Amino acid sequence: MTRSPRPTGDEKDIMIGGCHVHLTYGQEAGVGWTVRATIRCGTGDHHAGEQSLVTEAFDSREAAEHEALEQVSELLGNNTDRSRSRVRNWS
């Protein structure tokens, strides 16, 4: 049976690419730090999509957070902010 890292009560909410990202930090003695990231994009309960990921164990909290943010960025990499597009519509 696989044990889950125990939550530390340490959580963080941030916005990346217009999506809400909730980070939950966990630690297991002798194994290291992990971060669970829950990504929620879209508006309203019916139109919002949600995806979660968990990092592998790292020696430090900062390294686990960095890996979680890298994975979130990869997942959201295809999202574009049309208000900041380099292409202009000339009428």
C-alpha atoms as a PDB file:
ATOM      1  CA  MET A   1       0.000   0.000   0.000  1.00  0.00           C
ATOM      2  CA  THR A   2       1.404   3.421  -1.013  1.00  0.00           C
ATOM      3  CA  ARG A   3       1.444   6.054   1.676  1.00  0.00           C
ATOM      4  CA  SER A   4       0.541   9.636   0.834  1.00  0.00           C
ATOM      5  CA  PRO A   5       2.698  12.454   2.119  1.00  0.00           C
ATOM      6  CA  ARG A   6       1.016  14.079   5.072  1.00  0.00           C
ATOM      7  CA  PRO A   7      -0.331  17.571   4.383  1.00  0.00           C
ATOM      8  CA  THR A   8       1.577  20.300   6.168  1.00  0.00           C
ATOM      9  CA  GLY A   9      -1.330  22.729   6.215  1.00  0.00           C
ATOM     10  CA  ASP A  10       0.696  24.873   3.861  1.00  0.00           C
ATOM     11  CA  GLU A  11      -1.285  25.977   0.815  1.00  0.00           C
ATOM     12  CA  LYS A  12      -1.005  28.693  -1.813  1.00  0.00           C
ATOM     13  CA  ASP A  13      -3.426  30.089  -4.410  1.00  0.00           C
ATOM     14  CA  ILE A  14      -2.046  31.765  -7.531  1.00  0.00           C
ATOM     15  CA  MET A  15      -3.181  32.693 -11.052  1.00  0.00           C
ATOM     16  CA  ILE A  16      -1.286  31.412 -14.086  1.00  0.00           C
ATOM     17  CA  GLY A  17      -2.472  32.181 -17.607  1.00  0.00           C
ATOM     18  CA  GLY A  18      -5.877  33.247 -16.319  1.00  0.00           C
ATOM     19  CA  CYS A  19      -6.397  29.974 -14.457  1.00  0.00           C
ATOM     20  CA  HIS A  20      -6.668  29.464 -10.704  1.00  0.00           C
ATOM     21  CA  VAL A  21      -3.926  27.205  -9.358  1.00  0.00           C
ATOM     22  CA  HIS A  22      -4.140  25.800  -5.827  1.00  0.00           C
ATOM     23  CA  LEU A  23      -0.900  24.341  -4.433  1.00  0.00           C
ATOM     24  CA  THR A  24      -0.913  22.005  -1.432  1.00  0.00           C
ATOM     25  CA  TYR A  25       2.423  21.044   0.114  1.00  0.00           C
ATOM     26  CA  GLY A  26       3.051  17.647   1.685  1.00  0.00           C
ATOM     27  CA  GLN A  27       5.989  16.064   3.449  1.00  0.00           C
ATOM     28  CA  GLU A  28       6.871  12.514   4.390  1.00  0.00           C
ATOM     29  CA  ALA A  29       9.770  11.833   6.731  1.00  0.00           C
ATOM     30  CA  GLY A  30      12.681  10.246   4.909  1.00  0.00           C
ATOM     31  CA  VAL A  31      11.102  10.740   1.492  1.00  0.00           C
ATOM     32  CA  GLY A  32      10.795  14.484   0.974  1.00  0.00           C
ATOM     33  CA  TRP A  33       8.436  17.210  -0.164  1.00  0.00           C
ATOM     34  CA  THR A  34       5.669  16.929  -2.741  1.00  0.00           C
ATOM     35  CA  VAL A  35       3.236  19.470  -4.139  1.00  0.00           C
ATOM     36  CA  ARG A  36      -0.293  18.758  -5.349  1.00  0.00           C
ATOM     37  CA  ALA A  37      -1.469  21.338  -7.880  1.00  0.00           C
ATOM     38  CA  THR A  38      -5.135  21.720  -8.794  1.00  0.00           C
ATOM     39  CA  ILE A  39      -5.716  23.834 -11.911  1.00  0.00           C
ATOM     40  CA  ARG A  40      -9.153  25.325 -12.566  1.00  0.00           C
ATOM     41  CA  CYS A  41      -9.819  27.202 -15.800  1.00  0.00           C
ATOM     42  CA  GLY A  42     -13.006  28.662 -17.204  1.00  0.00           C
ATOM     43  CA  THR A  43     -15.939  30.515 -15.749  1.00  0.00           C
ATOM     44  CA  GLY A  44     -18.825  29.219 -13.718  1.00  0.00           C
ATOM     45  CA  ASP A  45     -19.277  25.734 -12.361  1.00  0.00           C
ATOM     46  CA  HIS A  46     -20.635  24.322 -15.630  1.00  0.00           C
ATOM     47  CA  HIS A  47     -17.907  25.670 -17.905  1.00  0.00           C
ATOM     48  CA  ALA A  48     -14.855  25.326 -15.688  1.00  0.00           C
ATOM     49  CA  GLY A  49     -12.360  22.550 -16.261  1.00  0.00           C
ATOM     50  CA  GLU A  50     -10.204  21.121 -13.504  1.00  0.00           C
ATOM     51  CA  GLN A  51      -7.050  19.043 -13.570  1.00  0.00           C
ATOM     52  CA  SER A  52      -4.697  17.922 -10.800  1.00  0.00           C
ATOM     53  CA  LEU A  53      -1.109  16.747 -10.638  1.00  0.00           C
ATOM     54  CA  VAL A  54       1.310  15.649  -7.933  1.00  0.00           C
ATOM     55  CA  THR A  55       5.067  16.013  -8.083  1.00  0.00           C
ATOM     56  CA  GLU A  56       7.545  13.337  -7.147  1.00  0.00           C
ATOM     57  CA  ALA A  57       9.331  13.769  -3.809  1.00  0.00           C
ATOM     58  CA  PHE A  58      12.080  16.406  -3.597  1.00  0.00           C
ATOM     59  CA  ASP A  59      14.636  17.245  -0.916  1.00  0.00           C
ATOM     60  CA  SER A  60      13.277  20.763  -0.469  1.00  0.00           C
ATOM     61  CA  ARG A  61       9.883  22.446  -0.507  1.00  0.00           C
ATOM     62  CA  GLU A  62      11.176  25.000  -3.035  1.00  0.00           C
ATOM     63  CA  ALA A  63      12.318  22.306  -5.483  1.00  0.00           C
ATOM     64  CA  ALA A  64       8.934  20.568  -5.285  1.00  0.00           C
ATOM     65  CA  GLU A  65       7.133  23.879  -5.844  1.00  0.00           C
ATOM     66  CA  HIS A  66       9.364  24.693  -8.818  1.00  0.00           C
ATOM     67  CA  GLU A  67       8.578  21.311 -10.400  1.00  0.00           C
ATOM     68  CA  ALA A  68       4.834  21.766  -9.809  1.00  0.00           C
ATOM     69  CA  LEU A  69       4.911  25.201 -11.468  1.00  0.00           C
ATOM     70  CA  GLU A  70       6.885  23.801 -14.417  1.00  0.00           C
ATOM     71  CA  GLN A  71       4.266  21.067 -14.906  1.00  0.00           C
ATOM     72  CA  VAL A  72       1.405  23.561 -14.618  1.00  0.00           C
ATOM     73  CA  SER A  73       3.097  25.827 -17.171  1.00  0.00           C
ATOM     74  CA  GLU A  74       3.468  22.904 -19.581  1.00  0.00           C
ATOM     75  CA  LEU A  75      -0.212  22.005 -19.205  1.00  0.00           C
ATOM     76  CA  LEU A  76      -1.269  25.607 -19.797  1.00  0.00           C
ATOM     77  CA  GLY A  77       1.334  26.248 -22.495  1.00  0.00           C
ATOM     78  CA  ASN A  78      -1.179  26.196 -25.318  1.00  0.00           C
ATOM     79  CA  ASN A  79      -3.446  28.786 -23.693  1.00  0.00           C
ATOM     80  CA  THR A  80      -3.080  32.267 -25.125  1.00  0.00           C
ATOM     81  CA  ASP A  81      -4.151  35.605 -23.783  1.00  0.00           C
ATOM     82  CA  ARG A  82      -5.852  37.193 -26.762  1.00  0.00           C
ATOM     83  CA  SER A  83      -5.795  40.636 -25.129  1.00  0.00           C
ATOM     84  CA  ARG A  84      -2.000  40.592 -25.386  1.00  0.00           C
ATOM     85  CA  SER A  85      -1.672  39.030 -28.826  1.00  0.00           C
ATOM     86  CA  ARG A  86       1.173  40.300 -31.014  1.00  0.00           C
ATOM     87  CA  VAL A  87      -1.127  40.105 -34.031  1.00  0.00           C
ATOM     88  CA  ARG A  88      -3.248  43.221 -34.525  1.00  0.00           C
ATOM     89  CA  ASN A  89      -6.534  43.337 -36.328  1.00  0.00           C
ATOM     90  CA  TRP A  90      -6.476  46.350 -38.628  1.00  0.00           C
ATOM     91  CA  SER A  91      -9.869  47.463 -39.848  1.00  0.00           C
END
